[in-house]
Protein backbone atom coordinates (compact mmCIF):
# COMPACT_ATOMS: atom_id res chain seq x y z
CA MET A 1 0.00 0.00 0.00
CA GLY A 2 1.44 3.31 -1.07
CA LEU A 3 1.76 6.38 1.06
CA PHE A 4 -1.31 8.13 -0.37
CA ASP A 5 -3.48 5.09 -1.14
CA PHE A 6 -5.73 5.98 1.79
CA LEU A 7 -6.94 8.99 -0.22
CA PHE A 8 -8.29 6.68 -2.91
CA LYS A 9 -9.90 4.50 -0.26
CA VAL A 10 -11.66 7.53 1.24
CA ASP A 11 -12.90 8.49 -2.22
CA GLU A 12 -14.20 4.95 -2.84
CA THR A 13 -15.97 4.94 0.54
CA LYS A 14 -17.64 8.25 -0.28
CA LYS A 15 -18.83 6.85 -3.61
CA GLU A 16 -20.24 3.79 -1.84
CA TYR A 17 -22.20 5.90 0.67
CA THR A 18 -23.41 8.16 -2.12
CA ARG A 19 -24.77 5.04 -3.84
CA ILE A 20 -26.42 3.92 -0.58
CA LEU A 21 -28.01 7.37 -0.23
CA GLN A 22 -29.44 7.05 -3.74
CA GLU A 23 -30.88 3.65 -2.81
CA CYS A 24 -32.45 5.16 0.32
CA ASP A 25 -34.02 7.89 -1.80
CA GLN A 26 -35.39 5.30 -4.24
CA ALA A 27 -36.89 3.28 -1.38
CA LEU A 28 -38.39 6.43 0.15
CA ALA A 29 -39.95 7.27 -3.22
CA LEU A 30 -41.84 3.98 -2.91
CA ASN A 31 -42.66 4.28 0.80
CA ASP A 32 -41.99 7.56 2.57
CA LYS A 33 -43.85 6.43 5.72
CA ASN A 34 -41.16 3.96 6.82
CA PRO A 35 -39.26 5.47 9.76
CA ASP A 36 -36.39 2.99 9.44
CA LEU A 37 -35.63 4.23 5.94
CA TRP A 38 -35.49 7.81 7.21
CA LYS A 39 -33.22 6.70 10.07
CA HIS A 40 -30.85 4.97 7.64
CA LYS A 41 -30.83 8.01 5.41
CA CYS A 42 -30.02 10.13 8.45
CA TYR A 43 -26.96 8.02 9.29
CA VAL A 44 -25.74 7.94 5.69
CA LEU A 45 -26.02 11.73 5.48
CA LEU A 46 -23.98 12.01 8.68
CA ILE A 47 -21.26 9.80 7.21
CA LEU A 48 -21.23 11.97 4.10
CA GLY A 49 -20.77 15.07 6.25
CA ARG A 50 -24.19 16.63 5.67
CA PRO A 51 -25.55 17.15 9.22
CA GLN A 52 -28.31 19.65 8.40
CA GLU A 53 -29.89 17.24 5.93
CA ALA A 54 -29.41 14.45 8.47
CA ILE A 55 -31.31 16.49 11.07
CA GLU A 56 -34.23 16.87 8.66
CA ALA A 57 -34.26 13.11 7.94
CA GLY A 58 -34.03 12.39 11.69
CA LYS A 59 -36.95 14.71 12.43
CA ILE A 60 -39.11 12.85 9.91
CA ALA A 61 -38.10 9.49 11.44
CA VAL A 62 -39.08 10.73 14.91
CA GLU A 63 -42.32 12.16 13.56
CA LEU A 64 -43.24 8.79 12.03
CA ALA A 65 -42.22 6.72 15.09
CA PRO A 66 -42.25 8.96 18.17
CA ASN A 67 -42.12 6.00 20.57
CA ASP A 68 -39.05 4.35 19.05
CA SER A 69 -35.84 5.10 20.94
CA ASN A 70 -33.73 4.26 17.87
CA MET A 71 -35.24 7.19 15.96
CA TRP A 72 -34.46 9.56 18.83
CA GLU A 73 -30.87 8.24 18.93
CA ALA A 74 -30.46 8.96 15.22
CA LEU A 75 -31.79 12.49 15.68
CA SER A 76 -29.48 12.95 18.65
CA GLN A 77 -26.47 11.98 16.53
CA SER A 78 -27.59 14.43 13.85
CA TYR A 79 -27.85 17.28 16.31
CA SER A 80 -24.45 16.33 17.73
CA HIS A 81 -22.81 16.62 14.31
CA GLY A 82 -24.84 19.75 13.58
CA GLY A 83 -23.50 21.50 16.68
CA GLU A 84 -26.71 21.73 18.72
CA PRO A 85 -25.82 20.33 22.18
CA GLN A 86 -29.08 21.44 23.85
CA LYS A 87 -31.12 19.37 21.42
CA VAL A 88 -28.70 16.44 21.73
CA ASP A 89 -29.46 16.25 25.47
CA GLU A 90 -33.22 16.46 24.87
CA CYS A 91 -33.13 13.63 22.32
CA GLN A 92 -30.93 11.42 24.49
CA LYS A 93 -33.22 11.93 27.48
CA LYS A 94 -36.26 11.03 25.38
CA ALA A 95 -34.52 7.89 24.06
CA ALA A 96 -33.51 6.83 27.60
CA ASP A 97 -37.06 7.39 28.86
CA LEU A 98 -38.49 5.27 26.05
CA ILE A 99 -36.01 2.47 26.75
CA GLU A 100 -36.93 2.48 30.43
CA GLN A 101 -40.66 2.47 29.62
CA LYS A 102 -40.16 -0.53 27.34
CA LYS A 103 -38.18 -2.39 30.00
CA GLU A 104 -40.88 -1.72 32.58
CA ALA A 105 -43.63 -2.83 30.19
CA ASP A 106 -41.69 -6.02 29.42
CA ARG A 107 -41.18 -6.71 33.13
CA GLN A 108 -44.88 -6.24 33.80
CA ARG A 109 -45.92 -8.42 30.85
CA LEU A 110 -43.59 -11.24 31.84
CA LYS A 111 -44.72 -11.03 35.45
CA GLU A 112 -48.36 -11.29 34.36
CA GLU A 113 -47.53 -14.29 32.15
CA GLY A 114 -46.33 -16.16 35.20
CA SER A 115 -42.63 -15.54 34.84
CA SER A 116 -41.90 -14.93 38.47
CA LYS A 117 -38.13 -15.17 38.52
CA GLU A 118 -36.31 -11.85 38.29
CA CYS A 119 -32.78 -11.44 36.92
CA CYS A 120 -30.54 -9.77 39.51
CA ARG A 121 -28.69 -7.87 36.78
CA CYS A 122 -31.27 -6.51 34.34
CA GLY A 123 -34.47 -6.97 36.37
CA VAL A 124 -36.31 -8.86 33.63
CA TYR A 125 -38.74 -11.56 34.72
CA VAL A 126 -38.12 -14.91 33.07
CA LYS A 127 -39.60 -18.39 33.35
CA GLU A 128 -36.21 -20.01 33.87
CA ASN A 129 -33.17 -18.35 35.32
CA VAL A 130 -29.65 -19.53 36.08
CA ARG A 131 -28.11 -19.55 39.53
CA CYS A 132 -24.45 -18.62 39.91
CA ILE A 133 -23.12 -20.70 42.79
CA PRO A 134 -19.61 -19.10 42.95
CA CYS A 135 -21.17 -15.67 43.44
CA GLY A 136 -23.33 -16.74 46.35
CA GLY A 137 -26.45 -17.82 44.53
CA ASP A 138 -27.39 -14.80 42.41
CA TYR A 139 -30.02 -15.56 39.77
CA PHE A 140 -29.57 -14.38 36.18
CA CYS A 141 -31.57 -14.54 32.98
CA PRO A 142 -29.70 -16.65 30.37
CA ASN A 143 -28.36 -13.60 28.49
CA CYS A 144 -27.01 -11.89 31.58
CA PHE A 145 -25.56 -15.14 32.92
CA ARG A 146 -23.49 -15.64 29.75
CA GLU A 147 -22.06 -12.12 30.13
CA HIS A 148 -21.57 -12.54 33.88
CA GLU A 149 -19.80 -15.87 33.47
CA LYS A 150 -17.56 -14.50 30.73
CA TRP A 151 -16.42 -11.50 32.79
CA ALA A 152 -16.58 -12.78 36.37
CA HIS A 153 -15.45 -16.38 36.05
CA TRP A 154 -13.23 -16.53 32.98
CA LYS A 155 -10.08 -18.47 33.72
CA PRO A 156 -7.14 -17.98 31.37
CA ARG A 157 -5.77 -21.10 29.77
CA ILE A 158 -2.38 -21.63 28.18
CA GLN A 159 -3.90 -22.01 24.69
CA ASP A 160 -5.51 -18.55 25.03
CA TYR A 161 -2.05 -17.02 24.84
CA TYR A 162 -0.84 -18.89 21.75
């Protein structure tokens, strides 16, 4: 790889994202009510260095799906690149609130379905949980237990170093 080959790579990447933006526009011409398409367009515009257009796409995504935290995250990123920190904080707070509401609704639904065992890490109610004996009997949902076991009880082996 030559000294200035990265310049050609940057140019190729820009061409690729320009093509993706065109595909987003074509898809939006067919269905402009899909918030995910607007979110994707928002991120592509950010990558291409066009934050004001990304903000507009993010606003449409939020307008179409006001209860989706992913749309608020995309708008937050747009405002961040557009230099509007006050609006970044507002969007991040809204996204966090929506995530917490969803978690609480999931907890309630699972509790009503008869899933009475609560994960000590994430608080989700599950039908079956896993008990960690080395930690003193904490109960985890399967997802949290895998993460817990990986970080809390991983033992290095010789083959891990070679």
